[in-house]
């Protein structure tokens, strides 16, 4: 039996995925969470085989939650299930140790296949995502995306800022000082050529990094 843990801040998404997976022989949804913090707490005391992880959530978000889960239990297989299909998300997620990457447009059969694949030790990237990564590498020189120059931490803080979180709140959630968060923030502004949070949000929207439903 493959035990699956669901992480998504939308109850409707969790309910739908749970119904699909519980109808499949050999799969069982053993729990669910609506924030990255809840997911980390669960995985510290429980050991699901596979975690289906959303990226855009309140609090620390899916990127940091994935890092923390794998730091405490590297045997857990994390599959990112998100609306984001363009780099740098897929590359960053796979770099920190996730085993799979699916978009929420994936069919139920593909999701089941991905779960079985990663549980057996393989990596699974949706074909359209793999194509995006390949094209991104090919076009990097001719059509550079400034967001790809961000570090993992800068990208994470960018997402939190564009969701309207304040520097102090970000600092508390990431166990950093406000001064450190502001240092990342201004360094990010320089790399991206923006002058404030509003321009940063517009940039995130242009590059498809912000889920408009969450604004």
N, C-alpha and C. Protein backbone atom coordinates (compact mmCIF):
# COMPACT_ATOMS: atom_id res chain seq x y z
N UNK A 1 0.83 -1.19 0.00
CA UNK A 1 0.00 0.00 0.00
C UNK A 1 0.88 1.26 0.00
N UNK A 2 0.57 2.19 -0.90
CA UNK A 2 1.29 3.47 -0.96
C UNK A 2 0.48 4.50 -0.18
N UNK A 3 1.04 5.01 0.90
CA UNK A 3 0.38 6.01 1.72
C UNK A 3 0.70 7.41 1.20
N UNK A 4 -0.34 8.17 0.89
CA UNK A 4 -0.18 9.49 0.26
C UNK A 4 -0.70 10.57 1.20
N UNK A 5 0.04 11.67 1.31
CA UNK A 5 -0.35 12.82 2.12
C UNK A 5 -0.58 14.01 1.20
N UNK A 6 -1.71 14.71 1.34
CA UNK A 6 -2.08 15.81 0.46
C UNK A 6 -1.83 17.15 1.14
N UNK A 7 -1.23 18.09 0.41
CA UNK A 7 -0.98 19.43 0.95
C UNK A 7 -1.46 20.47 -0.06
N UNK A 8 -2.54 21.16 0.28
CA UNK A 8 -3.09 22.20 -0.60
C UNK A 8 -4.01 23.08 0.24
N UNK A 9 -3.98 24.39 0.00
CA UNK A 9 -4.80 25.27 0.81
C UNK A 9 -6.24 25.34 0.34
N UNK A 10 -6.55 24.68 -0.78
CA UNK A 10 -7.93 24.66 -1.27
C UNK A 10 -8.59 23.32 -0.91
N UNK A 11 -9.61 23.39 -0.07
CA UNK A 11 -10.29 22.16 0.37
C UNK A 11 -10.88 21.39 -0.80
N UNK A 12 -11.40 22.12 -1.79
CA UNK A 12 -12.01 21.46 -2.95
C UNK A 12 -10.99 20.61 -3.70
N UNK A 13 -9.77 21.14 -3.83
CA UNK A 13 -8.71 20.38 -4.51
C UNK A 13 -8.38 19.12 -3.72
N UNK A 14 -8.20 19.27 -2.40
CA UNK A 14 -7.87 18.11 -1.57
C UNK A 14 -8.97 17.05 -1.64
N UNK A 15 -10.22 17.50 -1.59
CA UNK A 15 -11.34 16.56 -1.63
C UNK A 15 -11.37 15.79 -2.94
N UNK A 16 -11.15 16.51 -4.05
CA UNK A 16 -11.17 15.86 -5.35
C UNK A 16 -10.06 14.85 -5.52
N UNK A 17 -8.83 15.25 -5.13
CA UNK A 17 -7.69 14.35 -5.25
C UNK A 17 -7.87 13.13 -4.35
N UNK A 18 -8.38 13.35 -3.15
CA UNK A 18 -8.58 12.25 -2.21
C UNK A 18 -9.56 11.22 -2.76
N UNK A 19 -10.63 11.69 -3.37
CA UNK A 19 -11.62 10.77 -3.94
C UNK A 19 -11.01 9.95 -5.07
N UNK A 20 -10.20 10.60 -5.88
CA UNK A 20 -9.57 9.89 -7.00
C UNK A 20 -8.63 8.81 -6.48
N UNK A 21 -7.77 9.17 -5.54
CA UNK A 21 -6.73 8.24 -5.09
C UNK A 21 -7.28 7.10 -4.25
N UNK A 22 -8.28 7.38 -3.43
CA UNK A 22 -8.84 6.33 -2.59
C UNK A 22 -9.62 5.29 -3.37
N UNK A 23 -9.93 5.60 -4.63
CA UNK A 23 -10.60 4.63 -5.50
C UNK A 23 -9.62 3.76 -6.26
N UNK A 24 -8.33 4.03 -6.10
CA UNK A 24 -7.29 3.28 -6.82
C UNK A 24 -6.71 2.21 -5.90
N UNK A 25 -6.70 0.98 -6.38
CA UNK A 25 -6.16 -0.12 -5.58
C UNK A 25 -4.67 0.12 -5.32
N UNK A 26 -4.28 -0.06 -4.06
CA UNK A 26 -2.87 0.09 -3.70
C UNK A 26 -2.49 1.49 -3.26
N UNK A 27 -3.44 2.43 -3.30
CA UNK A 27 -3.18 3.80 -2.85
C UNK A 27 -4.13 4.15 -1.71
N UNK A 28 -3.64 4.93 -0.76
CA UNK A 28 -4.47 5.36 0.36
C UNK A 28 -4.03 6.74 0.82
N UNK A 29 -4.98 7.68 0.90
CA UNK A 29 -4.70 9.01 1.44
C UNK A 29 -4.76 8.92 2.95
N UNK A 30 -3.62 9.19 3.60
CA UNK A 30 -3.54 9.01 5.05
C UNK A 30 -3.67 10.31 5.83
N UNK A 31 -3.70 11.43 5.12
CA UNK A 31 -3.84 12.71 5.81
C UNK A 31 -3.78 13.86 4.84
N UNK A 32 -4.07 15.05 5.34
CA UNK A 32 -4.04 16.24 4.48
C UNK A 32 -3.72 17.47 5.32
N UNK A 33 -3.20 18.50 4.65
CA UNK A 33 -2.84 19.76 5.31
C UNK A 33 -3.14 20.91 4.36
N UNK A 34 -3.38 22.08 4.96
CA UNK A 34 -3.69 23.26 4.14
C UNK A 34 -2.57 24.29 4.13
N UNK A 35 -1.50 24.03 4.90
CA UNK A 35 -0.34 24.93 4.90
C UNK A 35 0.95 24.12 4.91
N UNK A 36 2.05 24.78 4.55
CA UNK A 36 3.34 24.13 4.61
C UNK A 36 3.73 23.75 6.02
N UNK A 37 3.40 24.62 6.97
CA UNK A 37 3.72 24.34 8.37
C UNK A 37 3.05 23.07 8.86
N UNK A 38 1.77 22.89 8.52
CA UNK A 38 1.04 21.69 8.92
C UNK A 38 1.66 20.45 8.29
N UNK A 39 2.09 20.59 7.04
CA UNK A 39 2.70 19.45 6.35
C UNK A 39 4.01 19.03 7.02
N UNK A 40 4.83 20.02 7.38
CA UNK A 40 6.11 19.72 8.03
C UNK A 40 5.87 19.04 9.38
N UNK A 41 4.92 19.57 10.14
CA UNK A 41 4.62 18.99 11.45
C UNK A 41 4.15 17.55 11.32
N UNK A 42 3.29 17.29 10.36
CA UNK A 42 2.78 15.93 10.16
C UNK A 42 3.91 14.97 9.80
N UNK A 43 4.76 15.39 8.88
CA UNK A 43 5.80 14.49 8.37
C UNK A 43 6.94 14.28 9.36
N UNK A 44 7.00 15.10 10.41
CA UNK A 44 8.01 14.87 11.44
C UNK A 44 7.63 13.70 12.33
N UNK A 45 6.33 13.45 12.47
CA UNK A 45 5.89 12.36 13.35
C UNK A 45 5.23 11.21 12.59
N UNK A 46 5.02 11.39 11.31
CA UNK A 46 4.43 10.34 10.47
C UNK A 46 5.31 10.15 9.24
N UNK A 47 5.13 9.05 8.56
CA UNK A 47 6.02 8.74 7.44
C UNK A 47 5.24 8.27 6.21
N UNK A 48 4.51 9.20 5.57
CA UNK A 48 3.84 8.81 4.33
C UNK A 48 4.86 8.46 3.27
N UNK A 49 4.47 7.63 2.34
CA UNK A 49 5.39 7.28 1.25
C UNK A 49 5.56 8.43 0.28
N UNK A 50 4.44 9.09 -0.04
CA UNK A 50 4.44 10.16 -1.04
C UNK A 50 3.65 11.36 -0.52
N UNK A 51 4.19 12.55 -0.75
CA UNK A 51 3.50 13.80 -0.43
C UNK A 51 3.18 14.53 -1.73
N UNK A 52 1.91 14.88 -1.93
CA UNK A 52 1.52 15.74 -3.05
C UNK A 52 1.49 17.17 -2.51
N UNK A 53 2.38 18.01 -3.01
CA UNK A 53 2.62 19.33 -2.42
C UNK A 53 2.28 20.48 -3.37
N UNK A 54 1.39 21.36 -2.91
CA UNK A 54 1.13 22.59 -3.65
C UNK A 54 2.25 23.59 -3.37
N UNK A 55 2.44 24.56 -4.23
CA UNK A 55 3.48 25.56 -4.03
C UNK A 55 2.96 26.82 -3.35
N UNK A 56 1.89 27.39 -3.88
CA UNK A 56 1.37 28.66 -3.36
C UNK A 56 0.38 28.41 -2.24
N UNK A 57 0.84 28.62 -1.01
CA UNK A 57 -0.02 28.45 0.16
C UNK A 57 0.31 29.52 1.18
N UNK A 58 -0.57 29.76 2.13
CA UNK A 58 -0.24 30.69 3.21
C UNK A 58 0.97 30.20 3.98
N UNK A 59 1.69 31.15 4.60
CA UNK A 59 2.83 30.75 5.41
C UNK A 59 4.08 30.49 4.59
N UNK A 60 4.82 29.46 4.96
CA UNK A 60 6.12 29.23 4.34
C UNK A 60 6.02 28.74 2.89
N UNK A 61 4.86 28.21 2.49
CA UNK A 61 4.71 27.77 1.11
C UNK A 61 5.31 26.40 0.86
N UNK A 62 5.09 25.90 -0.35
CA UNK A 62 5.50 24.54 -0.68
C UNK A 62 6.99 24.34 -0.85
N UNK A 63 7.71 25.37 -1.29
CA UNK A 63 9.14 25.22 -1.52
C UNK A 63 9.88 24.97 -0.21
N UNK A 64 9.62 25.81 0.77
CA UNK A 64 10.27 25.66 2.07
C UNK A 64 9.79 24.39 2.78
N UNK A 65 8.49 24.10 2.66
CA UNK A 65 7.95 22.89 3.29
C UNK A 65 8.62 21.64 2.73
N UNK A 66 8.83 21.60 1.42
CA UNK A 66 9.49 20.46 0.80
C UNK A 66 10.91 20.30 1.34
N UNK A 67 11.64 21.42 1.43
CA UNK A 67 13.00 21.37 1.97
C UNK A 67 13.02 20.81 3.38
N UNK A 68 12.12 21.30 4.23
CA UNK A 68 12.10 20.88 5.62
C UNK A 68 11.72 19.41 5.76
N UNK A 69 10.75 18.97 4.99
CA UNK A 69 10.32 17.56 5.05
C UNK A 69 11.46 16.64 4.65
N UNK A 70 12.14 16.98 3.57
CA UNK A 70 13.21 16.12 3.08
C UNK A 70 14.44 16.17 3.97
N UNK A 71 14.61 17.29 4.69
CA UNK A 71 15.73 17.39 5.62
C UNK A 71 15.54 16.41 6.79
N UNK A 72 14.30 16.29 7.26
CA UNK A 72 14.04 15.40 8.39
C UNK A 72 13.83 13.95 7.95
N UNK A 73 13.27 13.76 6.76
CA UNK A 73 13.02 12.40 6.29
C UNK A 73 13.23 12.32 4.78
N UNK A 74 14.46 12.09 4.35
CA UNK A 74 14.77 12.06 2.92
C UNK A 74 14.13 10.88 2.18
N UNK A 75 13.56 9.93 2.92
CA UNK A 75 12.92 8.78 2.27
C UNK A 75 11.53 9.12 1.74
N UNK A 76 10.95 10.21 2.23
CA UNK A 76 9.63 10.62 1.73
C UNK A 76 9.78 11.16 0.31
N UNK A 77 8.90 10.76 -0.57
CA UNK A 77 8.93 11.22 -1.96
C UNK A 77 7.92 12.35 -2.13
N UNK A 78 8.40 13.51 -2.54
CA UNK A 78 7.53 14.68 -2.72
C UNK A 78 7.26 14.90 -4.20
N UNK A 79 5.98 14.99 -4.54
CA UNK A 79 5.57 15.38 -5.89
C UNK A 79 4.90 16.75 -5.79
N UNK A 80 5.41 17.71 -6.51
CA UNK A 80 4.79 19.03 -6.54
C UNK A 80 3.62 18.99 -7.50
N UNK A 81 2.47 19.43 -7.03
CA UNK A 81 1.25 19.50 -7.85
C UNK A 81 0.78 20.95 -7.82
N UNK A 82 0.99 21.68 -8.91
CA UNK A 82 0.82 23.13 -8.87
C UNK A 82 0.32 23.67 -10.21
N UNK A 83 -0.04 24.95 -10.22
CA UNK A 83 -0.46 25.59 -11.46
C UNK A 83 0.74 26.10 -12.25
N UNK A 84 1.92 26.16 -11.61
CA UNK A 84 3.10 26.75 -12.25
C UNK A 84 3.77 25.73 -13.18
N UNK A 85 3.91 26.11 -14.44
CA UNK A 85 4.51 25.18 -15.40
C UNK A 85 5.80 25.73 -16.02
N UNK A 86 6.12 26.98 -15.75
CA UNK A 86 7.31 27.57 -16.37
C UNK A 86 8.48 27.61 -15.40
N UNK A 87 9.70 27.47 -15.96
CA UNK A 87 10.89 27.65 -15.16
C UNK A 87 10.88 29.09 -14.60
N UNK A 88 11.46 29.33 -13.41
CA UNK A 88 12.40 28.46 -12.70
C UNK A 88 11.78 27.51 -11.69
N UNK A 89 10.45 27.49 -11.55
CA UNK A 89 9.84 26.63 -10.54
C UNK A 89 10.25 25.17 -10.66
N UNK A 90 10.05 24.53 -11.81
CA UNK A 90 10.39 23.10 -11.88
C UNK A 90 11.85 22.82 -11.56
N UNK A 91 12.75 23.63 -12.09
CA UNK A 91 14.17 23.40 -11.84
C UNK A 91 14.52 23.56 -10.37
N UNK A 92 14.00 24.61 -9.73
CA UNK A 92 14.29 24.85 -8.31
C UNK A 92 13.75 23.71 -7.45
N UNK A 93 12.54 23.25 -7.77
CA UNK A 93 11.91 22.20 -6.98
C UNK A 93 12.69 20.89 -7.09
N UNK A 94 13.11 20.56 -8.30
CA UNK A 94 13.85 19.30 -8.48
C UNK A 94 15.23 19.40 -7.85
N UNK A 95 15.80 20.60 -7.85
CA UNK A 95 17.13 20.80 -7.26
C UNK A 95 17.13 20.55 -5.75
N UNK A 96 16.03 20.86 -5.08
CA UNK A 96 16.00 20.68 -3.63
C UNK A 96 15.61 19.26 -3.24
N UNK A 97 15.34 18.40 -4.23
CA UNK A 97 15.15 17.00 -3.91
C UNK A 97 13.78 16.41 -4.15
N UNK A 98 12.85 17.19 -4.70
CA UNK A 98 11.55 16.63 -5.03
C UNK A 98 11.71 15.54 -6.09
N UNK A 99 10.82 14.57 -6.07
CA UNK A 99 10.90 13.45 -7.01
C UNK A 99 9.97 13.61 -8.21
N UNK A 100 9.01 14.54 -8.11
CA UNK A 100 8.08 14.68 -9.22
C UNK A 100 7.52 16.08 -9.34
N UNK A 101 7.02 16.40 -10.53
CA UNK A 101 6.45 17.72 -10.79
C UNK A 101 5.28 17.55 -11.75
N UNK A 102 4.09 17.90 -11.28
CA UNK A 102 2.88 17.83 -12.09
C UNK A 102 2.14 19.15 -12.03
N UNK A 103 1.43 19.49 -13.09
CA UNK A 103 0.54 20.64 -13.03
C UNK A 103 -0.85 20.15 -12.67
N UNK A 104 -1.68 21.06 -12.19
CA UNK A 104 -3.03 20.68 -11.78
C UNK A 104 -3.94 20.37 -12.96
N UNK A 105 -3.42 20.54 -14.16
CA UNK A 105 -4.18 20.14 -15.34
C UNK A 105 -3.95 18.67 -15.69
N UNK A 106 -3.08 18.00 -14.93
CA UNK A 106 -2.79 16.59 -15.19
C UNK A 106 -4.04 15.74 -14.96
N UNK A 107 -4.17 14.69 -15.76
CA UNK A 107 -5.29 13.76 -15.59
C UNK A 107 -5.05 12.83 -14.42
N UNK A 108 -6.11 12.17 -13.99
CA UNK A 108 -6.00 11.27 -12.84
C UNK A 108 -5.04 10.12 -13.11
N UNK A 109 -5.04 9.59 -14.33
CA UNK A 109 -4.14 8.47 -14.66
C UNK A 109 -2.68 8.90 -14.55
N UNK A 110 -2.37 10.11 -15.02
CA UNK A 110 -1.00 10.59 -14.93
C UNK A 110 -0.58 10.79 -13.48
N UNK A 111 -1.49 11.31 -12.66
CA UNK A 111 -1.17 11.51 -11.25
C UNK A 111 -0.88 10.17 -10.56
N UNK A 112 -1.70 9.17 -10.85
CA UNK A 112 -1.49 7.84 -10.26
C UNK A 112 -0.16 7.25 -10.73
N UNK A 113 0.11 7.39 -12.03
CA UNK A 113 1.38 6.88 -12.57
C UNK A 113 2.58 7.56 -11.93
N UNK A 114 2.45 8.87 -11.70
CA UNK A 114 3.55 9.62 -11.08
C UNK A 114 3.78 9.13 -9.65
N UNK A 115 2.72 8.91 -8.91
CA UNK A 115 2.84 8.43 -7.53
C UNK A 115 3.53 7.08 -7.50
N UNK A 116 3.11 6.19 -8.36
CA UNK A 116 3.72 4.85 -8.39
C UNK A 116 5.18 4.92 -8.82
N UNK A 117 5.46 5.81 -9.77
CA UNK A 117 6.84 5.92 -10.27
C UNK A 117 7.79 6.41 -9.17
N UNK A 118 7.41 7.50 -8.49
CA UNK A 118 8.31 8.04 -7.47
C UNK A 118 8.42 7.11 -6.27
N UNK A 119 7.34 6.40 -5.95
CA UNK A 119 7.39 5.46 -4.84
C UNK A 119 8.37 4.32 -5.11
N UNK A 120 8.57 4.01 -6.39
CA UNK A 120 9.52 2.95 -6.76
C UNK A 120 10.94 3.48 -6.92
N UNK A 121 11.13 4.80 -6.65
CA UNK A 121 12.47 5.36 -6.70
C UNK A 121 12.79 6.14 -7.95
N UNK A 122 11.84 6.25 -8.88
CA UNK A 122 12.06 7.00 -10.11
C UNK A 122 11.69 8.47 -9.89
N UNK A 123 12.06 9.29 -10.85
CA UNK A 123 11.61 10.68 -10.87
C UNK A 123 10.58 10.83 -11.98
N UNK A 124 9.62 11.72 -11.75
CA UNK A 124 8.57 11.91 -12.76
C UNK A 124 8.35 13.40 -12.97
N UNK A 125 8.52 13.82 -14.21
CA UNK A 125 8.22 15.21 -14.60
C UNK A 125 7.24 15.15 -15.75
N UNK A 126 6.13 15.85 -15.62
CA UNK A 126 5.13 15.87 -16.68
C UNK A 126 5.78 16.26 -18.00
N UNK A 127 5.40 15.61 -19.10
CA UNK A 127 6.05 15.86 -20.40
C UNK A 127 6.12 17.33 -20.78
N UNK A 128 5.02 18.08 -20.53
CA UNK A 128 5.04 19.50 -20.92
C UNK A 128 6.02 20.29 -20.07
N UNK A 129 6.21 19.85 -18.81
CA UNK A 129 7.17 20.52 -17.94
C UNK A 129 8.59 20.22 -18.39
N UNK A 130 8.84 18.97 -18.72
CA UNK A 130 10.17 18.58 -19.21
C UNK A 130 10.52 19.37 -20.47
N UNK A 131 9.53 19.59 -21.32
CA UNK A 131 9.76 20.36 -22.55
C UNK A 131 10.08 21.81 -22.21
N UNK A 132 9.35 22.37 -21.24
CA UNK A 132 9.61 23.75 -20.82
C UNK A 132 11.03 23.90 -20.31
N UNK A 133 11.49 22.93 -19.50
CA UNK A 133 12.84 23.00 -18.95
C UNK A 133 13.87 22.93 -20.07
N UNK A 134 13.64 22.02 -21.01
CA UNK A 134 14.58 21.88 -22.13
C UNK A 134 14.63 23.15 -22.97
N UNK A 135 13.47 23.72 -23.27
CA UNK A 135 13.43 24.95 -24.06
C UNK A 135 14.04 26.11 -23.30
N UNK A 136 13.83 26.12 -21.99
CA UNK A 136 14.41 27.17 -21.16
C UNK A 136 15.93 27.14 -21.21
N UNK A 137 16.49 25.95 -21.12
CA UNK A 137 17.95 25.82 -21.20
C UNK A 137 18.46 26.25 -22.57
N UNK A 138 17.71 25.90 -23.61
CA UNK A 138 18.12 26.21 -24.97
C UNK A 138 18.05 27.71 -25.26
N UNK A 139 17.00 28.36 -24.69
CA UNK A 139 16.76 29.77 -25.00
C UNK A 139 17.35 30.73 -23.97
N UNK A 140 18.10 30.21 -23.02
CA UNK A 140 18.58 31.05 -21.91
C UNK A 140 19.37 32.27 -22.39
N UNK A 141 20.20 32.08 -23.40
CA UNK A 141 21.04 33.19 -23.85
C UNK A 141 20.26 34.19 -24.69
N UNK A 142 19.36 33.68 -25.55
CA UNK A 142 18.65 34.57 -26.45
C UNK A 142 17.44 35.24 -25.80
N UNK A 143 16.86 34.60 -24.80
CA UNK A 143 15.67 35.16 -24.16
C UNK A 143 15.76 34.95 -22.65
N UNK A 144 16.67 35.67 -21.99
CA UNK A 144 16.90 35.43 -20.57
C UNK A 144 15.70 35.82 -19.71
N UNK A 145 15.38 34.99 -18.75
CA UNK A 145 14.34 35.28 -17.77
C UNK A 145 15.05 35.69 -16.48
N UNK A 146 14.91 36.95 -16.06
CA UNK A 146 15.67 37.42 -14.89
C UNK A 146 15.36 36.64 -13.62
N UNK A 147 14.18 36.05 -13.53
CA UNK A 147 13.80 35.32 -12.32
C UNK A 147 14.70 34.10 -12.13
N UNK A 148 15.25 33.58 -13.22
CA UNK A 148 16.13 32.41 -13.12
C UNK A 148 17.43 32.73 -12.40
N UNK A 149 17.73 34.03 -12.28
CA UNK A 149 18.96 34.43 -11.59
C UNK A 149 18.79 34.47 -10.07
N UNK A 150 17.55 34.30 -9.61
CA UNK A 150 17.30 34.34 -8.18
C UNK A 150 17.75 33.05 -7.51
N UNK A 151 18.25 33.19 -6.30
CA UNK A 151 18.55 32.00 -5.51
C UNK A 151 17.24 31.39 -5.04
N UNK A 152 17.34 30.20 -4.49
CA UNK A 152 16.15 29.51 -3.97
C UNK A 152 15.47 30.36 -2.89
N UNK A 153 16.25 30.93 -1.98
CA UNK A 153 15.69 31.74 -0.90
C UNK A 153 15.07 33.02 -1.45
N UNK A 154 15.73 33.65 -2.43
CA UNK A 154 15.18 34.87 -3.02
C UNK A 154 13.85 34.59 -3.72
N UNK A 155 13.77 33.47 -4.42
CA UNK A 155 12.53 33.11 -5.09
C UNK A 155 11.42 32.88 -4.07
N UNK A 156 11.76 32.21 -2.98
CA UNK A 156 10.78 31.95 -1.94
C UNK A 156 10.25 33.26 -1.34
N UNK A 157 11.15 34.18 -1.03
CA UNK A 157 10.74 35.46 -0.45
C UNK A 157 9.95 36.28 -1.46
N UNK A 158 10.32 36.19 -2.72
CA UNK A 158 9.57 36.88 -3.77
C UNK A 158 8.11 36.42 -3.76
N UNK A 159 7.91 35.11 -3.69
CA UNK A 159 6.54 34.59 -3.69
C UNK A 159 5.76 35.06 -2.47
N UNK A 160 6.42 35.10 -1.33
CA UNK A 160 5.75 35.52 -0.11
C UNK A 160 5.38 37.00 -0.16
N UNK A 161 6.28 37.82 -0.72
CA UNK A 161 6.00 39.25 -0.86
C UNK A 161 4.83 39.47 -1.81
N UNK A 162 4.83 38.77 -2.93
CA UNK A 162 3.78 38.97 -3.92
C UNK A 162 2.43 38.46 -3.45
N UNK A 163 2.41 37.67 -2.38
CA UNK A 163 1.15 37.25 -1.77
C UNK A 163 0.71 38.22 -0.67
N UNK A 164 1.46 39.32 -0.54
CA UNK A 164 1.05 40.36 0.40
C UNK A 164 1.59 40.22 1.79
N UNK A 165 2.54 39.30 2.02
CA UNK A 165 3.07 39.12 3.36
C UNK A 165 4.10 40.21 3.69
N UNK A 166 4.08 40.68 4.93
CA UNK A 166 4.99 41.72 5.39
C UNK A 166 6.35 41.12 5.76
N UNK A 167 7.35 41.98 5.73
CA UNK A 167 8.72 41.54 6.02
C UNK A 167 8.82 40.86 7.38
N UNK A 168 8.18 41.45 8.41
CA UNK A 168 8.25 40.88 9.75
C UNK A 168 7.63 39.48 9.80
N UNK A 169 6.49 39.32 9.09
CA UNK A 169 5.83 38.01 9.06
C UNK A 169 6.70 36.98 8.34
N UNK A 170 7.32 37.39 7.24
CA UNK A 170 8.20 36.49 6.49
C UNK A 170 9.37 36.07 7.37
N UNK A 171 9.94 37.04 8.07
CA UNK A 171 11.08 36.76 8.95
C UNK A 171 10.71 35.72 10.01
N UNK A 172 9.54 35.88 10.63
CA UNK A 172 9.12 34.94 11.67
C UNK A 172 8.90 33.54 11.11
N UNK A 173 8.28 33.45 9.94
CA UNK A 173 7.97 32.15 9.36
C UNK A 173 9.22 31.41 8.89
N UNK A 174 10.23 32.17 8.47
CA UNK A 174 11.45 31.54 7.95
C UNK A 174 12.57 31.50 8.98
N UNK A 175 12.27 31.96 10.21
CA UNK A 175 13.28 31.99 11.27
C UNK A 175 14.50 32.82 10.87
N UNK A 176 14.23 33.98 10.28
CA UNK A 176 15.27 34.92 9.89
C UNK A 176 15.01 36.25 10.58
N UNK A 177 16.00 37.12 10.58
CA UNK A 177 15.78 38.46 11.10
C UNK A 177 15.14 39.31 10.00
N UNK A 178 14.45 40.37 10.40
CA UNK A 178 13.86 41.28 9.41
C UNK A 178 14.95 41.91 8.55
N UNK A 179 16.10 42.17 9.15
CA UNK A 179 17.22 42.75 8.40
C UNK A 179 17.68 41.80 7.30
N UNK A 180 17.74 40.50 7.61
CA UNK A 180 18.15 39.52 6.59
C UNK A 180 17.13 39.43 5.46
N UNK A 181 15.85 39.43 5.81
CA UNK A 181 14.81 39.38 4.78
C UNK A 181 14.90 40.61 3.89
N UNK A 182 15.10 41.78 4.48
CA UNK A 182 15.22 43.00 3.68
C UNK A 182 16.46 42.95 2.78
N UNK A 183 17.54 42.33 3.24
CA UNK A 183 18.74 42.19 2.42
C UNK A 183 18.43 41.34 1.19
N UNK A 184 17.73 40.22 1.40
CA UNK A 184 17.31 39.39 0.27
C UNK A 184 16.40 40.18 -0.66
N UNK A 185 15.51 40.95 -0.07
CA UNK A 185 14.53 41.72 -0.84
C UNK A 185 15.21 42.72 -1.76
N UNK A 186 16.14 43.50 -1.24
CA UNK A 186 16.80 44.52 -2.05
C UNK A 186 17.75 43.90 -3.08
N UNK A 187 18.38 42.79 -2.71
CA UNK A 187 19.23 42.07 -3.67
C UNK A 187 18.38 41.55 -4.84
N UNK A 188 17.18 41.08 -4.51
CA UNK A 188 16.25 40.60 -5.52
C UNK A 188 15.80 41.72 -6.43
N UNK A 189 15.51 42.88 -5.85
CA UNK A 189 15.12 44.04 -6.66
C UNK A 189 16.21 44.39 -7.67
N UNK A 190 17.46 44.34 -7.23
CA UNK A 190 18.58 44.66 -8.12
C UNK A 190 18.67 43.66 -9.27
N UNK A 191 18.55 42.38 -8.94
CA UNK A 191 18.66 41.35 -9.97
C UNK A 191 17.53 41.45 -11.00
N UNK A 192 16.34 41.84 -10.52
CA UNK A 192 15.16 41.86 -11.40
C UNK A 192 14.92 43.23 -12.03
N UNK A 193 15.64 44.25 -11.55
CA UNK A 193 15.46 45.58 -12.12
C UNK A 193 14.12 46.20 -11.76
N UNK A 194 13.63 45.95 -10.54
CA UNK A 194 12.37 46.54 -10.10
C UNK A 194 12.65 47.47 -8.92
N UNK A 195 11.67 48.35 -8.65
CA UNK A 195 11.87 49.37 -7.63
C UNK A 195 10.94 49.26 -6.43
N UNK A 196 10.22 48.16 -6.34
CA UNK A 196 9.32 48.01 -5.20
C UNK A 196 8.46 46.78 -5.32
N UNK A 197 7.63 46.57 -4.30
CA UNK A 197 6.80 45.36 -4.24
C UNK A 197 5.75 45.32 -5.35
N UNK A 198 5.23 46.48 -5.74
CA UNK A 198 4.21 46.51 -6.79
C UNK A 198 4.80 46.06 -8.12
N UNK A 199 5.97 46.59 -8.47
CA UNK A 199 6.63 46.17 -9.71
C UNK A 199 7.02 44.70 -9.64
N UNK A 200 7.40 44.25 -8.46
CA UNK A 200 7.75 42.85 -8.29
C UNK A 200 6.53 41.96 -8.56
N UNK A 201 5.38 42.37 -8.08
CA UNK A 201 4.16 41.60 -8.29
C UNK A 201 3.79 41.57 -9.77
N UNK A 202 3.92 42.71 -10.44
CA UNK A 202 3.62 42.76 -11.87
C UNK A 202 4.55 41.83 -12.66
N UNK A 203 5.81 41.80 -12.25
CA UNK A 203 6.78 40.91 -12.91
C UNK A 203 6.40 39.45 -12.70
N UNK A 204 5.99 39.11 -11.49
CA UNK A 204 5.59 37.73 -11.18
C UNK A 204 4.38 37.33 -12.02
N UNK A 205 3.45 38.25 -12.20
CA UNK A 205 2.26 37.96 -13.02
C UNK A 205 2.65 37.74 -14.48
N UNK A 206 3.53 38.60 -15.00
CA UNK A 206 3.95 38.49 -16.40
C UNK A 206 4.61 37.15 -16.70
N UNK A 207 5.35 36.65 -15.72
CA UNK A 207 6.07 35.39 -15.94
C UNK A 207 5.29 34.17 -15.45
N UNK A 208 4.02 34.36 -15.12
CA UNK A 208 3.18 33.24 -14.74
C UNK A 208 3.52 32.60 -13.42
N UNK A 209 4.17 33.36 -12.51
CA UNK A 209 4.56 32.80 -11.22
C UNK A 209 3.54 33.04 -10.13
N UNK A 210 2.51 33.81 -10.44
CA UNK A 210 1.53 34.15 -9.43
C UNK A 210 0.17 33.62 -9.86
N UNK A 211 -0.44 32.85 -8.97
CA UNK A 211 -1.77 32.30 -9.22
C UNK A 211 -2.77 33.43 -8.99
N UNK A 212 -3.41 33.88 -10.07
CA UNK A 212 -4.32 35.02 -9.97
C UNK A 212 -5.50 34.74 -9.04
N UNK A 213 -5.85 33.47 -8.87
CA UNK A 213 -6.96 33.14 -7.98
C UNK A 213 -6.63 33.43 -6.52
N UNK A 214 -5.32 33.55 -6.23
CA UNK A 214 -4.91 33.77 -4.84
C UNK A 214 -4.67 35.25 -4.53
N UNK A 215 -4.86 36.11 -5.53
CA UNK A 215 -4.64 37.54 -5.29
C UNK A 215 -5.83 38.16 -4.55
